[in-house]
Amino acid sequence: MTSKNGIQLDRATKDEMTKSIRNFFLKERGEEMGHLASEMVLDFITEELAPEFYNRGVMDSYRLMSEKVADIQLLLK
């Protein structure tokens, strides 16, 4: 399944994630959630929130790699 922002989840992964969402709502809020509702929550997270987490991960990786490259450049001097 592909979201509007291009994030692709295969059926098995999406099923596991929706199961986790249902378990969370049951444990934390005492609410039973159906499969459709949990898919809607997952779609919202995937479309609205995931890009921010992705971008932060990319920036964190960039910072780490920049530090490592700077360390290597110091060794070469």
N, C-alpha and C. Protein backbone atom coordinates (compact mmCIF):
# COMPACT_ATOMS: atom_id res chain seq x y z
N MET A 1 0.84 -1.17 0.00
CA MET A 1 0.00 0.00 0.00
C MET A 1 0.89 1.24 0.00
N THR A 2 0.58 2.21 -0.83
CA THR A 2 1.35 3.44 -0.94
C THR A 2 0.51 4.60 -0.46
N SER A 3 1.08 5.42 0.44
CA SER A 3 0.36 6.60 0.91
C SER A 3 0.55 7.73 -0.08
N LYS A 4 -0.11 8.85 0.19
CA LYS A 4 -0.02 10.02 -0.70
C LYS A 4 1.40 10.55 -0.80
N ASN A 5 2.21 10.34 0.25
CA ASN A 5 3.58 10.85 0.23
C ASN A 5 4.58 9.82 -0.25
N GLY A 6 4.10 8.69 -0.76
CA GLY A 6 4.98 7.70 -1.37
C GLY A 6 5.50 6.61 -0.44
N ILE A 7 5.11 6.65 0.83
CA ILE A 7 5.56 5.61 1.76
C ILE A 7 4.80 4.34 1.44
N GLN A 8 5.54 3.25 1.22
CA GLN A 8 4.94 1.99 0.85
C GLN A 8 5.02 1.00 2.01
N LEU A 9 3.90 0.40 2.32
CA LEU A 9 3.84 -0.65 3.34
C LEU A 9 3.21 -1.88 2.71
N ASP A 10 3.86 -3.03 2.88
CA ASP A 10 3.22 -4.24 2.37
C ASP A 10 2.10 -4.64 3.32
N ARG A 11 1.25 -5.52 2.86
CA ARG A 11 0.05 -5.89 3.61
C ARG A 11 0.40 -6.44 4.99
N ALA A 12 1.40 -7.30 5.08
CA ALA A 12 1.77 -7.91 6.36
C ALA A 12 2.24 -6.84 7.36
N THR A 13 3.04 -5.90 6.89
CA THR A 13 3.53 -4.82 7.76
C THR A 13 2.37 -3.95 8.21
N LYS A 14 1.50 -3.61 7.29
CA LYS A 14 0.34 -2.77 7.63
C LYS A 14 -0.55 -3.49 8.64
N ASP A 15 -0.75 -4.78 8.46
CA ASP A 15 -1.57 -5.55 9.40
C ASP A 15 -0.95 -5.56 10.80
N GLU A 16 0.38 -5.73 10.87
CA GLU A 16 1.07 -5.71 12.17
C GLU A 16 0.95 -4.34 12.83
N MET A 17 1.07 -3.30 12.04
CA MET A 17 0.98 -1.94 12.59
C MET A 17 -0.43 -1.63 13.08
N THR A 18 -1.43 -2.04 12.31
CA THR A 18 -2.80 -1.78 12.76
C THR A 18 -3.13 -2.60 14.00
N LYS A 19 -2.57 -3.79 14.10
CA LYS A 19 -2.74 -4.60 15.30
C LYS A 19 -2.12 -3.89 16.51
N SER A 20 -0.95 -3.31 16.32
CA SER A 20 -0.29 -2.56 17.40
C SER A 20 -1.12 -1.36 17.82
N ILE A 21 -1.71 -0.68 16.86
CA ILE A 21 -2.57 0.47 17.17
C ILE A 21 -3.77 0.02 17.98
N ARG A 22 -4.41 -1.06 17.55
CA ARG A 22 -5.58 -1.57 18.30
C ARG A 22 -5.17 -1.97 19.72
N ASN A 23 -4.02 -2.64 19.85
CA ASN A 23 -3.55 -3.04 21.19
C ASN A 23 -3.25 -1.82 22.05
N PHE A 24 -2.66 -0.80 21.47
CA PHE A 24 -2.37 0.42 22.21
C PHE A 24 -3.65 1.06 22.74
N PHE A 25 -4.63 1.22 21.87
CA PHE A 25 -5.88 1.85 22.28
C PHE A 25 -6.59 1.03 23.36
N LEU A 26 -6.52 -0.28 23.25
CA LEU A 26 -7.15 -1.13 24.25
C LEU A 26 -6.43 -1.02 25.58
N LYS A 27 -5.11 -1.09 25.56
CA LYS A 27 -4.31 -1.04 26.79
C LYS A 27 -4.34 0.34 27.44
N GLU A 28 -4.12 1.37 26.66
CA GLU A 28 -3.97 2.72 27.22
C GLU A 28 -5.29 3.44 27.44
N ARG A 29 -6.27 3.15 26.63
CA ARG A 29 -7.53 3.90 26.71
C ARG A 29 -8.74 3.03 27.02
N GLY A 30 -8.52 1.72 27.05
CA GLY A 30 -9.64 0.82 27.31
C GLY A 30 -10.67 0.81 26.20
N GLU A 31 -10.24 1.19 25.00
CA GLU A 31 -11.16 1.27 23.85
C GLU A 31 -10.84 0.17 22.85
N GLU A 32 -11.86 -0.55 22.44
CA GLU A 32 -11.68 -1.52 21.37
C GLU A 32 -11.84 -0.79 20.05
N MET A 33 -10.93 -1.03 19.16
CA MET A 33 -10.92 -0.35 17.87
C MET A 33 -11.01 -1.40 16.77
N GLY A 34 -11.82 -1.13 15.79
CA GLY A 34 -11.94 -2.03 14.66
C GLY A 34 -10.78 -1.90 13.70
N HIS A 35 -10.71 -2.84 12.77
CA HIS A 35 -9.62 -2.86 11.79
C HIS A 35 -9.64 -1.60 10.92
N LEU A 36 -10.82 -1.19 10.47
CA LEU A 36 -10.92 -0.01 9.60
C LEU A 36 -10.45 1.24 10.34
N ALA A 37 -10.87 1.41 11.57
CA ALA A 37 -10.46 2.58 12.35
C ALA A 37 -8.95 2.59 12.56
N SER A 38 -8.39 1.43 12.86
CA SER A 38 -6.93 1.39 13.07
C SER A 38 -6.18 1.66 11.77
N GLU A 39 -6.72 1.24 10.65
CA GLU A 39 -6.09 1.57 9.36
C GLU A 39 -6.16 3.07 9.09
N MET A 40 -7.25 3.69 9.49
CA MET A 40 -7.38 5.14 9.31
C MET A 40 -6.36 5.88 10.17
N VAL A 41 -6.15 5.42 11.40
CA VAL A 41 -5.14 6.03 12.26
C VAL A 41 -3.76 5.84 11.64
N LEU A 42 -3.47 4.64 11.16
CA LEU A 42 -2.18 4.38 10.53
C LEU A 42 -1.99 5.25 9.29
N ASP A 43 -3.03 5.39 8.48
CA ASP A 43 -2.94 6.25 7.29
C ASP A 43 -2.64 7.69 7.69
N PHE A 44 -3.29 8.17 8.75
CA PHE A 44 -3.03 9.53 9.22
C PHE A 44 -1.58 9.67 9.65
N ILE A 45 -1.10 8.73 10.44
CA ILE A 45 0.29 8.79 10.91
C ILE A 45 1.25 8.74 9.73
N THR A 46 0.99 7.85 8.79
CA THR A 46 1.86 7.69 7.63
C THR A 46 1.89 8.94 6.76
N GLU A 47 0.74 9.55 6.57
CA GLU A 47 0.65 10.70 5.68
C GLU A 47 1.05 12.01 6.35
N GLU A 48 0.68 12.17 7.61
CA GLU A 48 0.88 13.47 8.26
C GLU A 48 2.11 13.54 9.16
N LEU A 49 2.46 12.46 9.84
CA LEU A 49 3.53 12.51 10.83
C LEU A 49 4.83 11.86 10.37
N ALA A 50 4.73 10.78 9.63
CA ALA A 50 5.92 10.03 9.22
C ALA A 50 6.94 10.88 8.46
N PRO A 51 6.52 11.79 7.59
CA PRO A 51 7.53 12.59 6.87
C PRO A 51 8.43 13.39 7.82
N GLU A 52 7.89 13.89 8.91
CA GLU A 52 8.71 14.63 9.87
C GLU A 52 9.73 13.72 10.54
N PHE A 53 9.29 12.52 10.93
CA PHE A 53 10.23 11.56 11.53
C PHE A 53 11.32 11.17 10.53
N TYR A 54 10.92 10.96 9.30
CA TYR A 54 11.87 10.61 8.25
C TYR A 54 12.90 11.73 8.07
N ASN A 55 12.41 12.96 7.94
CA ASN A 55 13.30 14.09 7.73
C ASN A 55 14.26 14.27 8.89
N ARG A 56 13.77 14.08 10.10
CA ARG A 56 14.66 14.18 11.26
C ARG A 56 15.71 13.08 11.24
N GLY A 57 15.32 11.90 10.85
CA GLY A 57 16.28 10.79 10.74
C GLY A 57 17.35 11.08 9.70
N VAL A 58 16.94 11.65 8.58
CA VAL A 58 17.89 12.01 7.53
C VAL A 58 18.86 13.07 8.06
N MET A 59 18.33 14.08 8.74
CA MET A 59 19.19 15.14 9.28
C MET A 59 20.14 14.60 10.35
N ASP A 60 19.64 13.72 11.21
CA ASP A 60 20.51 13.11 12.22
C ASP A 60 21.63 12.31 11.56
N SER A 61 21.30 11.57 10.52
CA SER A 61 22.31 10.80 9.78
C SER A 61 23.32 11.72 9.11
N TYR A 62 22.82 12.81 8.55
CA TYR A 62 23.70 13.79 7.90
C TYR A 62 24.68 14.38 8.91
N ARG A 63 24.16 14.77 10.08
CA ARG A 63 25.03 15.34 11.12
C ARG A 63 26.09 14.33 11.56
N LEU A 64 25.68 13.10 11.79
CA LEU A 64 26.62 12.06 12.20
C LEU A 64 27.70 11.83 11.15
N MET A 65 27.26 11.70 9.90
CA MET A 65 28.22 11.47 8.82
C MET A 65 29.15 12.68 8.65
N SER A 66 28.63 13.89 8.82
CA SER A 66 29.46 15.09 8.71
C SER A 66 30.53 15.10 9.79
N GLU A 67 30.15 14.70 11.00
CA GLU A 67 31.13 14.62 12.09
C GLU A 67 32.20 13.59 11.79
N LYS A 68 31.80 12.45 11.27
CA LYS A 68 32.76 11.39 10.95
C LYS A 68 33.71 11.83 9.83
N VAL A 69 33.17 12.50 8.83
CA VAL A 69 34.01 13.00 7.74
C VAL A 69 34.99 14.04 8.28
N ALA A 70 34.52 14.91 9.16
CA ALA A 70 35.42 15.91 9.76
C ALA A 70 36.52 15.22 10.56
N ASP A 71 36.19 14.16 11.28
CA ASP A 71 37.21 13.41 12.02
C ASP A 71 38.25 12.81 11.07
N ILE A 72 37.78 12.27 9.97
CA ILE A 72 38.69 11.67 8.98
C ILE A 72 39.57 12.75 8.37
N GLN A 73 39.00 13.91 8.08
CA GLN A 73 39.78 15.01 7.51
C GLN A 73 40.87 15.47 8.47
N LEU A 74 40.57 15.46 9.77
CA LEU A 74 41.58 15.82 10.77
C LEU A 74 42.73 14.82 10.78
N LEU A 75 42.40 13.56 10.60
CA LEU A 75 43.44 12.53 10.57
C LEU A 75 44.34 12.66 9.35
N LEU A 76 43.79 13.19 8.26
CA LEU A 76 44.55 13.31 7.02
C LEU A 76 45.48 14.52 7.02
N LYS A 77 45.31 15.44 7.95
CA LYS A 77 46.14 16.66 7.97
C LYS A 77 47.47 16.40 8.62
